[in-house]
């Protein structure tokens, strides 16, 4: 287990075709079911401190305790995903640590010299920050707040993967508005 923020909880893959990615992971790797949102509602999105309107598709599934995230960018605004693709890369782009005390853990990471490159919020209690420090592709670190509706959805995704028999491999995201 990592001594940074506990265990790594998510592997994030940047893909060109998210539908093909879900098909591969479910049919070949046996990972699913996938919870898919063709346009994740990201609020207060920032890249290098500047605000943008980002459009990303995201699919989430679990393999045991590990969550796998597939990300496809749908516009050309600045993002770490776009940077990854512009460098000719596809595949593992980040590892995510989950937190229930976002402010404390963000402060701790910044005290250790980590710099926020990209951030935003998905629903209530769904803040995230990606740190600029990378040693090689696939080692970008994300800090993800997992509480409220987002936390409940992540629990449902993990539970749905337990004993999944391959039926209904792609399902819609739950409502993350906080209701």
N, C-alpha and C. Protein backbone atom coordinates (compact mmCIF):
# COMPACT_ATOMS: atom_id res chain seq x y z
N UNK A 1 0.84 -1.17 0.00
CA UNK A 1 0.00 0.00 0.00
C UNK A 1 0.89 1.24 0.00
N UNK A 2 0.45 2.26 -0.70
CA UNK A 2 1.18 3.51 -0.75
C UNK A 2 1.20 4.17 0.62
N UNK A 3 2.32 4.77 0.98
CA UNK A 3 2.37 5.51 2.23
C UNK A 3 2.09 6.99 2.00
N UNK A 4 1.67 7.34 0.79
CA UNK A 4 1.35 8.73 0.46
C UNK A 4 -0.05 9.09 0.96
N UNK A 5 -1.06 8.43 0.44
CA UNK A 5 -2.47 8.72 0.79
C UNK A 5 -3.27 7.44 0.98
N UNK A 6 -2.61 6.35 1.33
CA UNK A 6 -3.31 5.07 1.43
C UNK A 6 -3.22 4.34 0.11
N UNK A 7 -4.11 3.38 -0.12
CA UNK A 7 -4.01 2.59 -1.35
C UNK A 7 -4.43 3.38 -2.59
N UNK A 8 -3.79 3.08 -3.71
CA UNK A 8 -4.27 3.59 -4.99
C UNK A 8 -5.63 2.93 -5.23
N UNK A 9 -6.63 3.72 -5.58
CA UNK A 9 -7.99 3.19 -5.73
C UNK A 9 -8.47 3.17 -7.17
N UNK A 10 -7.78 3.91 -8.06
CA UNK A 10 -8.27 3.99 -9.44
C UNK A 10 -7.10 4.09 -10.40
N UNK A 11 -7.26 3.41 -11.56
CA UNK A 11 -6.34 3.54 -12.68
C UNK A 11 -7.10 4.24 -13.80
N UNK A 12 -6.57 5.37 -14.28
CA UNK A 12 -7.26 6.16 -15.31
C UNK A 12 -6.58 6.04 -16.66
N UNK A 13 -7.34 5.57 -17.65
CA UNK A 13 -6.84 5.35 -19.00
C UNK A 13 -7.44 6.35 -19.97
N UNK A 14 -6.60 7.02 -20.76
CA UNK A 14 -7.06 7.89 -21.82
C UNK A 14 -7.18 7.05 -23.08
N UNK A 15 -8.36 7.13 -23.71
CA UNK A 15 -8.64 6.32 -24.89
C UNK A 15 -9.16 7.20 -26.03
N UNK A 16 -9.04 6.71 -27.25
CA UNK A 16 -9.59 7.42 -28.41
C UNK A 16 -11.06 7.07 -28.64
N UNK A 17 -11.46 5.87 -28.26
CA UNK A 17 -12.82 5.38 -28.51
C UNK A 17 -13.31 4.67 -27.25
N UNK A 18 -14.09 5.37 -26.45
CA UNK A 18 -14.51 4.84 -25.15
C UNK A 18 -15.44 3.64 -25.29
N UNK A 19 -16.28 3.64 -26.33
CA UNK A 19 -17.16 2.48 -26.54
C UNK A 19 -16.34 1.23 -26.85
N UNK A 20 -15.32 1.36 -27.68
CA UNK A 20 -14.44 0.23 -27.97
C UNK A 20 -13.67 -0.18 -26.72
N UNK A 21 -13.29 0.79 -25.91
CA UNK A 21 -12.59 0.50 -24.66
C UNK A 21 -13.45 -0.31 -23.70
N UNK A 22 -14.72 0.09 -23.54
CA UNK A 22 -15.62 -0.66 -22.66
C UNK A 22 -15.83 -2.07 -23.18
N UNK A 23 -15.95 -2.21 -24.50
CA UNK A 23 -16.13 -3.54 -25.11
C UNK A 23 -14.91 -4.42 -24.84
N UNK A 24 -13.71 -3.87 -25.05
CA UNK A 24 -12.49 -4.63 -24.80
C UNK A 24 -12.40 -5.06 -23.33
N UNK A 25 -12.56 -4.10 -22.43
CA UNK A 25 -12.41 -4.41 -21.01
C UNK A 25 -13.47 -5.40 -20.54
N UNK A 26 -14.69 -5.31 -21.04
CA UNK A 26 -15.73 -6.24 -20.58
C UNK A 26 -15.59 -7.61 -21.23
N UNK A 27 -15.38 -7.65 -22.55
CA UNK A 27 -15.34 -8.94 -23.26
C UNK A 27 -14.00 -9.65 -23.12
N UNK A 28 -12.90 -8.94 -23.19
CA UNK A 28 -11.58 -9.57 -23.16
C UNK A 28 -11.04 -9.70 -21.74
N UNK A 29 -11.17 -8.63 -20.97
CA UNK A 29 -10.61 -8.62 -19.62
C UNK A 29 -11.59 -9.11 -18.56
N UNK A 30 -12.88 -9.18 -18.90
CA UNK A 30 -13.90 -9.62 -17.96
C UNK A 30 -14.21 -8.62 -16.86
N UNK A 31 -13.94 -7.34 -17.12
CA UNK A 31 -14.17 -6.29 -16.14
C UNK A 31 -15.46 -5.56 -16.49
N UNK A 32 -16.33 -5.41 -15.51
CA UNK A 32 -17.59 -4.70 -15.71
C UNK A 32 -18.50 -4.97 -14.54
N UNK A 33 -19.70 -4.47 -14.62
CA UNK A 33 -20.27 -3.65 -15.69
C UNK A 33 -19.70 -2.23 -15.65
N UNK A 34 -19.84 -1.54 -16.79
CA UNK A 34 -19.34 -0.19 -16.95
C UNK A 34 -20.47 0.80 -16.71
N UNK A 35 -20.18 1.83 -15.95
CA UNK A 35 -21.10 2.94 -15.74
C UNK A 35 -20.57 4.09 -16.58
N UNK A 36 -21.38 4.52 -17.54
CA UNK A 36 -20.93 5.41 -18.62
C UNK A 36 -21.69 6.73 -18.61
N UNK A 37 -20.94 7.81 -18.77
CA UNK A 37 -21.53 9.13 -18.95
C UNK A 37 -20.87 9.76 -20.17
N UNK A 38 -21.64 9.99 -21.25
CA UNK A 38 -21.05 10.56 -22.46
C UNK A 38 -20.57 12.00 -22.29
N UNK A 39 -21.09 12.72 -21.28
CA UNK A 39 -20.59 14.07 -21.01
C UNK A 39 -20.72 14.36 -19.52
N UNK A 40 -19.63 14.13 -18.81
CA UNK A 40 -19.62 14.31 -17.36
C UNK A 40 -19.75 15.80 -17.04
N UNK A 41 -20.68 16.17 -16.16
CA UNK A 41 -20.85 17.58 -15.79
C UNK A 41 -19.78 18.02 -14.79
N UNK A 42 -18.74 18.62 -15.30
CA UNK A 42 -17.63 19.08 -14.44
C UNK A 42 -17.81 20.57 -14.18
N UNK A 43 -17.87 20.92 -12.92
CA UNK A 43 -18.01 22.32 -12.50
C UNK A 43 -16.65 22.85 -12.06
N UNK A 44 -16.49 24.16 -12.17
CA UNK A 44 -15.29 24.84 -11.70
C UNK A 44 -14.01 24.18 -12.23
N UNK A 45 -14.04 23.77 -13.51
CA UNK A 45 -12.87 23.13 -14.11
C UNK A 45 -11.78 24.17 -14.35
N UNK A 46 -10.57 23.81 -13.94
CA UNK A 46 -9.41 24.70 -14.12
C UNK A 46 -8.21 23.90 -14.59
N UNK A 47 -7.45 24.53 -15.48
CA UNK A 47 -6.19 23.97 -15.97
C UNK A 47 -5.18 25.10 -15.88
N UNK A 48 -4.10 24.88 -15.16
CA UNK A 48 -3.10 25.93 -14.92
C UNK A 48 -3.74 27.21 -14.39
N UNK A 49 -4.77 27.05 -13.55
CA UNK A 49 -5.43 28.20 -12.94
C UNK A 49 -6.46 28.90 -13.79
N UNK A 50 -6.57 28.52 -15.07
CA UNK A 50 -7.53 29.15 -15.97
C UNK A 50 -8.80 28.30 -16.07
N UNK A 51 -9.95 28.96 -16.16
CA UNK A 51 -11.23 28.28 -16.24
C UNK A 51 -11.57 27.94 -17.70
N UNK A 52 -12.08 26.72 -17.92
CA UNK A 52 -12.48 26.25 -19.25
C UNK A 52 -13.76 25.43 -19.12
N UNK A 53 -14.44 25.26 -20.24
CA UNK A 53 -15.60 24.37 -20.31
C UNK A 53 -15.14 23.09 -21.00
N UNK A 54 -14.87 22.09 -20.20
CA UNK A 54 -14.34 20.82 -20.69
C UNK A 54 -15.49 19.86 -20.99
N UNK A 55 -15.31 19.02 -22.00
CA UNK A 55 -16.28 17.97 -22.33
C UNK A 55 -15.54 16.65 -22.41
N UNK A 56 -15.85 15.76 -21.46
CA UNK A 56 -15.22 14.44 -21.40
C UNK A 56 -16.29 13.38 -21.26
N UNK A 57 -16.05 12.24 -21.88
CA UNK A 57 -16.83 11.04 -21.62
C UNK A 57 -16.03 10.18 -20.66
N UNK A 58 -16.75 9.56 -19.71
CA UNK A 58 -16.09 8.74 -18.69
C UNK A 58 -16.87 7.45 -18.51
N UNK A 59 -16.14 6.35 -18.35
CA UNK A 59 -16.74 5.06 -18.01
C UNK A 59 -15.96 4.49 -16.83
N UNK A 60 -16.70 3.93 -15.87
CA UNK A 60 -16.10 3.40 -14.65
C UNK A 60 -16.56 1.97 -14.40
N UNK A 61 -15.62 1.11 -13.99
CA UNK A 61 -15.93 -0.26 -13.58
C UNK A 61 -14.88 -0.67 -12.55
N UNK A 62 -15.17 -1.72 -11.83
CA UNK A 62 -14.23 -2.21 -10.84
C UNK A 62 -13.74 -3.60 -11.20
N UNK A 63 -12.49 -3.86 -10.82
CA UNK A 63 -11.93 -5.20 -10.79
C UNK A 63 -11.47 -5.39 -9.35
N UNK A 64 -12.29 -6.07 -8.57
CA UNK A 64 -12.04 -6.15 -7.14
C UNK A 64 -12.18 -4.78 -6.53
N UNK A 65 -11.20 -4.38 -5.72
CA UNK A 65 -11.24 -3.06 -5.09
C UNK A 65 -10.74 -1.95 -6.01
N UNK A 66 -10.09 -2.34 -7.12
CA UNK A 66 -9.50 -1.35 -8.03
C UNK A 66 -10.54 -0.88 -9.04
N UNK A 67 -10.72 0.44 -9.10
CA UNK A 67 -11.61 1.01 -10.11
C UNK A 67 -10.79 1.34 -11.35
N UNK A 68 -11.37 1.05 -12.51
CA UNK A 68 -10.77 1.39 -13.79
C UNK A 68 -11.62 2.50 -14.40
N UNK A 69 -10.96 3.56 -14.84
CA UNK A 69 -11.65 4.68 -15.48
C UNK A 69 -11.15 4.81 -16.91
N UNK A 70 -12.08 4.93 -17.84
CA UNK A 70 -11.77 5.22 -19.23
C UNK A 70 -12.22 6.65 -19.50
N UNK A 71 -11.36 7.45 -20.15
CA UNK A 71 -11.64 8.85 -20.41
C UNK A 71 -11.42 9.14 -21.88
N UNK A 72 -12.43 9.75 -22.51
CA UNK A 72 -12.28 10.23 -23.88
C UNK A 72 -12.60 11.72 -23.90
N UNK A 73 -11.66 12.54 -24.37
CA UNK A 73 -11.91 13.98 -24.47
C UNK A 73 -12.81 14.23 -25.68
N UNK A 74 -13.73 15.18 -25.52
CA UNK A 74 -14.70 15.49 -26.59
C UNK A 74 -14.55 16.90 -27.13
N UNK A 75 -13.62 17.70 -26.55
CA UNK A 75 -13.30 19.00 -27.12
C UNK A 75 -11.81 19.24 -26.92
N UNK A 76 -11.33 20.35 -27.41
CA UNK A 76 -9.88 20.57 -27.44
C UNK A 76 -9.40 21.58 -26.41
N UNK A 77 -10.14 21.72 -25.30
CA UNK A 77 -9.66 22.66 -24.28
C UNK A 77 -8.47 22.04 -23.56
N UNK A 78 -7.63 22.88 -22.97
CA UNK A 78 -6.47 22.36 -22.26
C UNK A 78 -6.87 21.40 -21.14
N UNK A 79 -6.18 20.27 -21.09
CA UNK A 79 -6.36 19.29 -20.03
C UNK A 79 -5.13 18.38 -20.01
N UNK A 80 -4.95 17.69 -18.91
CA UNK A 80 -3.85 16.74 -18.83
C UNK A 80 -4.11 15.55 -19.74
N UNK A 81 -5.37 15.26 -20.01
CA UNK A 81 -5.71 14.17 -20.95
C UNK A 81 -5.29 14.58 -22.36
N UNK A 82 -5.61 15.82 -22.74
CA UNK A 82 -5.22 16.31 -24.06
C UNK A 82 -3.70 16.33 -24.19
N UNK A 83 -3.00 16.79 -23.14
CA UNK A 83 -1.53 16.81 -23.16
C UNK A 83 -0.98 15.41 -23.41
N UNK A 84 -1.55 14.43 -22.71
CA UNK A 84 -1.15 13.03 -22.83
C UNK A 84 -1.30 12.57 -24.28
N UNK A 85 -2.46 12.85 -24.88
CA UNK A 85 -2.70 12.46 -26.27
C UNK A 85 -1.79 13.21 -27.24
N UNK A 86 -1.56 14.51 -26.98
CA UNK A 86 -0.70 15.29 -27.87
C UNK A 86 0.74 14.79 -27.85
N UNK A 87 1.11 14.11 -26.78
CA UNK A 87 2.44 13.49 -26.71
C UNK A 87 2.46 12.12 -27.37
N UNK A 88 1.37 11.76 -28.05
CA UNK A 88 1.30 10.49 -28.77
C UNK A 88 1.01 9.30 -27.87
N UNK A 89 0.52 9.55 -26.67
CA UNK A 89 0.31 8.48 -25.70
C UNK A 89 -1.17 8.10 -25.60
N UNK A 90 -1.41 6.84 -25.28
CA UNK A 90 -2.73 6.33 -24.94
C UNK A 90 -2.50 5.32 -23.83
N UNK A 91 -3.51 5.09 -23.01
CA UNK A 91 -3.39 4.11 -21.95
C UNK A 91 -3.37 4.77 -20.59
N UNK A 92 -2.64 4.14 -19.65
CA UNK A 92 -2.63 4.60 -18.27
C UNK A 92 -2.07 6.02 -18.19
N UNK A 93 -2.92 6.95 -17.73
CA UNK A 93 -2.54 8.35 -17.64
C UNK A 93 -2.41 8.81 -16.18
N UNK A 94 -3.18 8.21 -15.27
CA UNK A 94 -3.09 8.61 -13.87
C UNK A 94 -3.47 7.48 -12.93
N UNK A 95 -3.02 7.66 -11.69
CA UNK A 95 -3.50 6.84 -10.57
C UNK A 95 -4.19 7.79 -9.62
N UNK A 96 -5.28 7.32 -9.01
CA UNK A 96 -6.04 8.18 -8.11
C UNK A 96 -6.07 7.62 -6.70
N UNK A 97 -5.91 8.54 -5.77
CA UNK A 97 -6.12 8.26 -4.36
C UNK A 97 -7.45 8.89 -3.98
N UNK A 98 -8.23 8.19 -3.17
CA UNK A 98 -9.52 8.70 -2.74
C UNK A 98 -9.42 9.25 -1.33
N UNK A 99 -10.20 10.28 -1.08
CA UNK A 99 -10.17 10.91 0.23
C UNK A 99 -11.56 11.31 0.70
N UNK A 100 -11.71 11.30 2.00
CA UNK A 100 -12.91 11.85 2.64
C UNK A 100 -12.58 13.16 3.34
N UNK A 101 -11.30 13.55 3.32
CA UNK A 101 -10.87 14.83 3.89
C UNK A 101 -10.02 15.55 2.84
N UNK A 102 -10.71 16.04 1.82
CA UNK A 102 -10.07 16.62 0.66
C UNK A 102 -9.16 17.80 1.03
N UNK A 103 -9.67 18.72 1.82
CA UNK A 103 -8.89 19.92 2.15
C UNK A 103 -7.59 19.56 2.87
N UNK A 104 -7.67 18.66 3.84
CA UNK A 104 -6.48 18.23 4.58
C UNK A 104 -5.48 17.56 3.65
N UNK A 105 -5.97 16.62 2.80
CA UNK A 105 -5.05 15.87 1.94
C UNK A 105 -4.47 16.75 0.83
N UNK A 106 -5.26 17.69 0.31
CA UNK A 106 -4.73 18.62 -0.68
C UNK A 106 -3.63 19.47 -0.07
N UNK A 107 -3.86 19.97 1.13
CA UNK A 107 -2.85 20.77 1.83
C UNK A 107 -1.58 19.95 2.07
N UNK A 108 -1.73 18.68 2.47
CA UNK A 108 -0.58 17.81 2.70
C UNK A 108 0.22 17.59 1.41
N UNK A 109 -0.49 17.36 0.30
CA UNK A 109 0.20 17.15 -0.98
C UNK A 109 0.97 18.41 -1.40
N UNK A 110 0.34 19.55 -1.24
CA UNK A 110 1.02 20.80 -1.60
C UNK A 110 2.21 21.06 -0.69
N UNK A 111 2.11 20.70 0.58
CA UNK A 111 3.24 20.84 1.50
C UNK A 111 4.39 19.93 1.11
N UNK A 112 4.09 18.81 0.45
CA UNK A 112 5.13 17.90 -0.04
C UNK A 112 5.69 18.32 -1.39
N UNK A 113 5.24 19.47 -1.91
CA UNK A 113 5.79 19.98 -3.16
C UNK A 113 4.98 19.68 -4.40
N UNK A 114 3.80 19.09 -4.25
CA UNK A 114 2.95 18.80 -5.40
C UNK A 114 2.20 20.07 -5.80
N UNK A 115 2.06 20.28 -7.10
CA UNK A 115 1.41 21.47 -7.65
C UNK A 115 0.16 21.05 -8.41
N UNK A 116 -0.97 21.69 -8.12
CA UNK A 116 -2.22 21.37 -8.84
C UNK A 116 -2.11 21.90 -10.26
N UNK A 117 -2.31 21.01 -11.22
CA UNK A 117 -2.29 21.36 -12.64
C UNK A 117 -3.71 21.46 -13.19
N UNK A 118 -4.59 20.55 -12.73
CA UNK A 118 -5.95 20.47 -13.26
C UNK A 118 -6.88 20.14 -12.10
N UNK A 119 -8.05 20.78 -12.05
CA UNK A 119 -8.97 20.52 -10.95
C UNK A 119 -10.40 20.82 -11.38
N UNK A 120 -11.34 20.38 -10.55
CA UNK A 120 -12.74 20.63 -10.80
C UNK A 120 -13.59 19.91 -9.78
N UNK A 121 -14.87 19.80 -10.08
CA UNK A 121 -15.80 19.15 -9.17
C UNK A 121 -16.87 18.44 -9.99
N UNK A 122 -17.19 17.21 -9.60
CA UNK A 122 -18.26 16.43 -10.23
C UNK A 122 -19.31 16.18 -9.14
N UNK A 123 -20.41 16.89 -9.21
CA UNK A 123 -21.45 16.74 -8.20
C UNK A 123 -21.02 17.30 -6.86
N UNK A 124 -21.88 17.14 -5.87
CA UNK A 124 -21.57 17.58 -4.51
C UNK A 124 -20.57 16.60 -3.89
N UNK A 125 -19.57 17.09 -3.22
CA UNK A 125 -18.53 16.27 -2.59
C UNK A 125 -17.76 15.44 -3.62
N UNK A 126 -17.49 16.03 -4.76
CA UNK A 126 -16.76 15.32 -5.80
C UNK A 126 -15.60 16.12 -6.36
N UNK A 127 -14.92 16.87 -5.50
CA UNK A 127 -13.77 17.65 -5.98
C UNK A 127 -12.62 16.72 -6.38
N UNK A 128 -11.81 17.21 -7.32
CA UNK A 128 -10.63 16.46 -7.72
C UNK A 128 -9.51 17.42 -8.09
N UNK A 129 -8.29 16.93 -7.93
CA UNK A 129 -7.10 17.69 -8.33
C UNK A 129 -6.09 16.71 -8.93
N UNK A 130 -5.53 17.10 -10.06
CA UNK A 130 -4.44 16.35 -10.69
C UNK A 130 -3.18 17.18 -10.48
N UNK A 131 -2.12 16.50 -10.08
CA UNK A 131 -0.88 17.19 -9.78
C UNK A 131 0.07 17.15 -10.98
N UNK A 132 0.82 18.24 -11.14
CA UNK A 132 1.68 18.42 -12.30
C UNK A 132 2.87 17.47 -12.33
N UNK A 133 3.31 17.02 -11.18
CA UNK A 133 4.54 16.24 -11.11
C UNK A 133 4.34 14.86 -11.74
N UNK A 134 5.12 14.58 -12.77
CA UNK A 134 5.11 13.26 -13.43
C UNK A 134 6.55 12.83 -13.65
N UNK A 135 6.81 11.57 -13.43
CA UNK A 135 8.14 11.05 -13.72
C UNK A 135 8.16 10.33 -15.06
N UNK A 136 7.04 9.71 -15.42
CA UNK A 136 6.87 9.10 -16.73
C UNK A 136 5.37 8.92 -16.95
N UNK A 137 4.93 8.68 -18.19
CA UNK A 137 3.49 8.56 -18.43
C UNK A 137 2.83 7.52 -17.53
N UNK A 138 1.64 7.85 -17.06
CA UNK A 138 0.90 6.94 -16.21
C UNK A 138 1.18 7.11 -14.74
N UNK A 139 1.99 8.10 -14.38
CA UNK A 139 2.26 8.31 -12.96
C UNK A 139 1.70 9.62 -12.45
N UNK A 140 0.89 10.29 -13.24
CA UNK A 140 0.21 11.47 -12.77
C UNK A 140 -0.68 11.06 -11.59
N UNK A 141 -0.71 11.88 -10.55
CA UNK A 141 -1.48 11.55 -9.35
C UNK A 141 -2.73 12.43 -9.30
N UNK A 142 -3.86 11.79 -9.04
CA UNK A 142 -5.12 12.49 -8.81
C UNK A 142 -5.53 12.30 -7.36
N UNK A 143 -6.01 13.37 -6.75
CA UNK A 143 -6.66 13.31 -5.45
C UNK A 143 -8.14 13.50 -5.70
N UNK A 144 -8.94 12.52 -5.32
CA UNK A 144 -10.37 12.53 -5.63
C UNK A 144 -11.20 12.42 -4.35
N UNK A 145 -12.06 13.41 -4.15
CA UNK A 145 -12.97 13.40 -3.01
C UNK A 145 -14.11 12.42 -3.30
N UNK A 146 -14.29 11.47 -2.40
CA UNK A 146 -15.28 10.41 -2.62
C UNK A 146 -16.22 10.37 -1.42
N UNK A 147 -17.25 11.21 -1.52
CA UNK A 147 -18.28 11.28 -0.49
C UNK A 147 -19.61 11.57 -1.19
N UNK A 148 -20.68 11.68 -0.45
CA UNK A 148 -21.97 12.07 -1.01
C UNK A 148 -22.38 11.21 -2.19
N UNK A 149 -23.02 11.82 -3.20
CA UNK A 149 -23.50 11.05 -4.36
C UNK A 149 -22.38 10.30 -5.10
N UNK A 150 -21.21 10.94 -5.24
CA UNK A 150 -20.08 10.29 -5.92
C UNK A 150 -19.63 9.06 -5.13
N UNK A 151 -19.53 9.18 -3.82
CA UNK A 151 -19.15 8.05 -2.99
C UNK A 151 -20.14 6.91 -3.08
N UNK A 152 -21.44 7.25 -3.07
CA UNK A 152 -22.47 6.21 -3.21
C UNK A 152 -22.39 5.52 -4.57
N UNK A 153 -22.12 6.31 -5.63
CA UNK A 153 -21.99 5.71 -6.95
C UNK A 153 -20.78 4.78 -7.01
N UNK A 154 -19.67 5.19 -6.43
CA UNK A 154 -18.48 4.35 -6.45
C UNK A 154 -18.73 3.05 -5.68
N UNK A 155 -19.47 3.11 -4.58
CA UNK A 155 -19.85 1.89 -3.85
C UNK A 155 -20.70 0.98 -4.71
N UNK A 156 -21.68 1.55 -5.41
CA UNK A 156 -22.55 0.77 -6.28
C UNK A 156 -21.75 0.10 -7.40
N UNK A 157 -20.81 0.82 -7.99
CA UNK A 157 -19.99 0.27 -9.07
C UNK A 157 -19.18 -0.92 -8.57
N UNK A 158 -18.57 -0.78 -7.39
CA UNK A 158 -17.79 -1.88 -6.81
C UNK A 158 -18.69 -3.08 -6.52
N UNK A 159 -19.86 -2.84 -5.93
CA UNK A 159 -20.78 -3.93 -5.61
C UNK A 159 -21.31 -4.62 -6.86
N UNK A 160 -21.58 -3.85 -7.92
CA UNK A 160 -22.09 -4.43 -9.17
C UNK A 160 -21.06 -5.35 -9.83
N UNK A 161 -19.77 -5.05 -9.61
CA UNK A 161 -18.71 -5.86 -10.21
C UNK A 161 -18.56 -7.21 -9.53
N UNK A 162 -18.97 -7.30 -8.27
CA UNK A 162 -18.82 -8.55 -7.53
C UNK A 162 -19.77 -9.60 -8.12
N UNK A 163 -19.20 -10.63 -8.67
CA UNK A 163 -20.00 -11.71 -9.26
C UNK A 163 -20.68 -11.34 -10.57
N UNK A 164 -20.24 -10.25 -11.22
CA UNK A 164 -20.83 -9.84 -12.49
C UNK A 164 -20.70 -10.97 -13.50
N UNK A 165 -21.80 -11.28 -14.20
CA UNK A 165 -21.82 -12.41 -15.14
C UNK A 165 -21.73 -11.99 -16.61
N UNK A 166 -21.47 -10.74 -16.88
CA UNK A 166 -21.35 -10.26 -18.25
C UNK A 166 -22.61 -9.64 -18.81
N UNK A 167 -23.73 -9.76 -18.09
CA UNK A 167 -24.98 -9.17 -18.56
C UNK A 167 -24.95 -7.65 -18.39
N UNK A 168 -25.68 -6.98 -19.28
CA UNK A 168 -25.86 -5.53 -19.18
C UNK A 168 -24.51 -4.84 -18.94
N UNK A 169 -23.56 -4.94 -19.90
CA UNK A 169 -22.20 -4.49 -19.66
C UNK A 169 -22.02 -2.97 -19.59
N UNK A 170 -22.96 -2.18 -20.15
CA UNK A 170 -22.84 -0.73 -20.11
C UNK A 170 -24.12 -0.16 -19.51
N UNK A 171 -23.95 0.62 -18.45
CA UNK A 171 -25.08 1.19 -17.70
C UNK A 171 -24.87 2.69 -17.56
N UNK A 172 -25.94 3.44 -17.37
CA UNK A 172 -25.78 4.90 -17.22
C UNK A 172 -25.24 5.28 -15.85
N UNK A 173 -24.51 6.38 -15.81
CA UNK A 173 -24.08 6.99 -14.56
C UNK A 173 -25.30 7.30 -13.71
N UNK A 174 -25.10 7.30 -12.41
CA UNK A 174 -26.16 7.76 -11.51
C UNK A 174 -26.16 9.29 -11.48
N UNK A 175 -27.23 9.86 -10.98
CA UNK A 175 -27.35 11.30 -10.82
C UNK A 175 -26.41 11.75 -9.70
N UNK A 176 -25.49 12.63 -10.02
CA UNK A 176 -24.52 13.12 -9.04
C UNK A 176 -24.84 14.53 -8.54
N UNK A 177 -26.06 14.97 -8.81
CA UNK A 177 -26.41 16.35 -8.44
C UNK A 177 -26.53 16.55 -6.94
N UNK A 178 -26.58 15.47 -6.20
CA UNK A 178 -26.68 15.59 -4.75
C UNK A 178 -28.04 15.27 -4.21
N UNK A 179 -28.95 14.90 -5.07
CA UNK A 179 -30.32 14.59 -4.63
C UNK A 179 -30.45 13.17 -4.16
